[in-house]
N, C-alpha and C. Protein backbone atom coordinates (compact mmCIF):
# COMPACT_ATOMS: atom_id res chain seq x y z
N MET A 1 -7.97 77.73 333.03
CA MET A 1 -7.99 79.19 333.04
C MET A 1 -8.91 79.67 334.16
N PRO A 2 -8.42 80.59 334.99
CA PRO A 2 -9.25 81.06 336.11
C PRO A 2 -10.44 81.88 335.64
N ARG A 3 -11.51 81.80 336.42
CA ARG A 3 -12.71 82.59 336.13
C ARG A 3 -12.66 83.87 336.94
N PHE A 4 -13.20 84.92 336.36
CA PHE A 4 -13.27 86.22 337.02
C PHE A 4 -14.71 86.71 337.00
N PHE A 5 -15.08 87.46 338.04
CA PHE A 5 -16.42 88.00 338.15
C PHE A 5 -16.36 89.52 338.27
N THR A 6 -17.39 90.19 337.78
CA THR A 6 -17.49 91.63 337.94
C THR A 6 -17.98 91.94 339.35
N VAL A 7 -17.86 93.19 339.74
CA VAL A 7 -18.38 93.62 341.04
C VAL A 7 -19.88 93.36 341.10
N ALA A 8 -20.58 93.66 340.02
CA ALA A 8 -22.04 93.45 339.98
C ALA A 8 -22.39 91.97 340.15
N GLN A 9 -21.64 91.09 339.53
CA GLN A 9 -21.90 89.66 339.65
C GLN A 9 -21.69 89.18 341.09
N VAL A 10 -20.61 89.63 341.71
CA VAL A 10 -20.33 89.23 343.09
C VAL A 10 -21.41 89.78 344.02
N ALA A 11 -21.81 91.03 343.81
CA ALA A 11 -22.87 91.62 344.63
C ALA A 11 -24.16 90.82 344.50
N GLU A 12 -24.49 90.41 343.30
CA GLU A 12 -25.71 89.63 343.08
C GLU A 12 -25.61 88.25 343.73
N MET A 13 -24.47 87.60 343.59
CA MET A 13 -24.29 86.25 344.14
C MET A 13 -24.44 86.23 345.66
N TYR A 14 -23.95 87.29 346.32
CA TYR A 14 -23.95 87.32 347.78
C TYR A 14 -25.01 88.26 348.35
N GLN A 15 -25.88 88.75 347.50
CA GLN A 15 -26.97 89.65 347.90
C GLN A 15 -26.44 90.85 348.66
N LEU A 16 -25.45 91.50 348.07
CA LEU A 16 -24.85 92.70 348.63
C LEU A 16 -25.06 93.86 347.67
N LYS A 17 -24.89 95.06 348.17
CA LYS A 17 -24.88 96.22 347.29
C LYS A 17 -23.50 96.30 346.64
N GLU A 18 -23.45 96.81 345.42
CA GLU A 18 -22.16 96.96 344.75
C GLU A 18 -21.23 97.84 345.57
N SER A 19 -21.78 98.86 346.22
CA SER A 19 -20.95 99.76 347.02
C SER A 19 -20.26 99.01 348.16
N HIS A 20 -20.92 98.00 348.71
CA HIS A 20 -20.31 97.21 349.78
C HIS A 20 -19.14 96.39 349.24
N VAL A 21 -19.30 95.84 348.05
CA VAL A 21 -18.21 95.08 347.43
C VAL A 21 -17.02 96.01 347.16
N TYR A 22 -17.29 97.22 346.66
CA TYR A 22 -16.22 98.19 346.43
C TYR A 22 -15.51 98.55 347.74
N LYS A 23 -16.27 98.69 348.83
CA LYS A 23 -15.66 99.01 350.13
C LYS A 23 -14.73 97.89 350.58
N LEU A 24 -15.14 96.64 350.38
CA LEU A 24 -14.29 95.51 350.74
C LEU A 24 -13.02 95.49 349.91
N ILE A 25 -13.14 95.83 348.63
CA ILE A 25 -11.97 95.88 347.75
C ILE A 25 -11.03 97.00 348.20
N ASN A 26 -11.58 98.19 348.44
CA ASN A 26 -10.75 99.33 348.83
C ASN A 26 -10.10 99.14 350.20
N ALA A 27 -10.74 98.36 351.07
CA ALA A 27 -10.17 98.08 352.39
C ALA A 27 -9.13 96.97 352.34
N GLY A 28 -8.97 96.34 351.17
CA GLY A 28 -8.00 95.27 351.03
C GLY A 28 -8.50 93.92 351.52
N GLN A 29 -9.79 93.82 351.82
CA GLN A 29 -10.34 92.57 352.32
C GLN A 29 -10.74 91.62 351.20
N LEU A 30 -10.99 92.15 350.03
CA LEU A 30 -11.36 91.33 348.88
C LEU A 30 -10.37 91.59 347.76
N PRO A 31 -9.46 90.66 347.51
CA PRO A 31 -8.48 90.85 346.44
C PRO A 31 -9.16 90.93 345.08
N CYS A 32 -8.60 91.75 344.23
CA CYS A 32 -9.17 91.90 342.89
C CYS A 32 -8.04 92.11 341.89
N VAL A 33 -8.42 92.08 340.63
CA VAL A 33 -7.50 92.36 339.53
C VAL A 33 -8.06 93.57 338.81
N ARG A 34 -7.21 94.56 338.61
CA ARG A 34 -7.64 95.76 337.88
C ARG A 34 -7.09 95.68 336.46
N LEU A 35 -7.99 95.79 335.52
CA LEU A 35 -7.63 95.77 334.10
C LEU A 35 -8.04 97.11 333.53
N GLY A 36 -7.10 98.05 333.56
CA GLY A 36 -7.46 99.41 333.17
C GLY A 36 -8.44 99.95 334.20
N ARG A 37 -9.62 100.35 333.75
CA ARG A 37 -10.62 100.86 334.69
C ARG A 37 -11.57 99.79 335.17
N PHE A 38 -11.37 98.56 334.72
CA PHE A 38 -12.25 97.46 335.10
C PHE A 38 -11.70 96.71 336.30
N ILE A 39 -12.60 96.28 337.17
CA ILE A 39 -12.23 95.50 338.35
C ILE A 39 -12.85 94.13 338.20
N ARG A 40 -12.04 93.10 338.40
CA ARG A 40 -12.53 91.73 338.34
C ARG A 40 -12.07 90.99 339.60
N ILE A 41 -12.94 90.14 340.11
CA ILE A 41 -12.63 89.36 341.30
C ILE A 41 -12.40 87.92 340.87
N PRO A 42 -11.22 87.36 341.16
CA PRO A 42 -10.95 85.97 340.79
C PRO A 42 -11.84 85.01 341.58
N GLU A 43 -12.28 83.97 340.92
CA GLU A 43 -13.15 82.98 341.55
C GLU A 43 -12.51 82.38 342.80
N ASP A 44 -11.20 82.18 342.77
CA ASP A 44 -10.53 81.54 343.91
C ASP A 44 -10.45 82.45 345.14
N LYS A 45 -10.83 83.71 345.02
CA LYS A 45 -10.84 84.63 346.17
C LYS A 45 -12.21 84.71 346.83
N LEU A 46 -13.23 84.11 346.23
CA LEU A 46 -14.58 84.18 346.78
C LEU A 46 -14.73 83.47 348.13
N PRO A 47 -14.04 82.35 348.38
CA PRO A 47 -14.14 81.76 349.72
C PRO A 47 -13.70 82.72 350.82
N GLY A 48 -12.74 83.58 350.53
CA GLY A 48 -12.32 84.60 351.49
C GLY A 48 -13.44 85.58 351.78
N LEU A 49 -14.21 85.93 350.77
CA LEU A 49 -15.36 86.81 350.95
C LEU A 49 -16.40 86.13 351.81
N GLU A 50 -16.62 84.85 351.58
CA GLU A 50 -17.59 84.11 352.39
C GLU A 50 -17.18 84.12 353.86
N ASN A 51 -15.89 83.99 354.14
CA ASN A 51 -15.41 84.03 355.52
C ASN A 51 -15.64 85.40 356.15
N ILE A 52 -15.38 86.45 355.39
CA ILE A 52 -15.58 87.82 355.88
C ILE A 52 -17.06 88.05 356.21
N LEU A 53 -17.93 87.63 355.32
CA LEU A 53 -19.36 87.82 355.52
C LEU A 53 -19.86 87.00 356.71
N GLN A 54 -19.36 85.79 356.87
CA GLN A 54 -19.76 84.94 357.99
C GLN A 54 -19.31 85.55 359.31
N THR A 55 -18.09 86.07 359.35
CA THR A 55 -17.58 86.70 360.56
C THR A 55 -18.41 87.92 360.92
N ALA A 56 -18.75 88.73 359.93
CA ALA A 56 -19.57 89.92 360.17
C ALA A 56 -20.95 89.54 360.69
N LYS A 57 -21.50 88.46 360.16
CA LYS A 57 -22.83 88.01 360.59
C LYS A 57 -22.79 87.53 362.04
N GLU A 58 -21.72 86.84 362.42
CA GLU A 58 -21.58 86.32 363.78
C GLU A 58 -21.39 87.44 364.80
N GLU A 59 -20.79 88.56 364.37
CA GLU A 59 -20.54 89.68 365.28
C GLU A 59 -21.81 90.45 365.59
N LYS A 60 -22.84 90.31 364.77
CA LYS A 60 -24.10 91.04 364.99
C LYS A 60 -24.90 90.46 366.11
């Protein structure tokens, strides 16, 4: 069974603000599952987030 994380959990894991995680979701860069008003990020999508963050860090 796949694991899912909340926006707050992902923000804490990657030391980001929750608003930044929401921006990535709304921009379509971080896939998520919406369950009613709840947003969950599948564990298997986190490597994609790591790639996005690494690319952003390299551009600075």
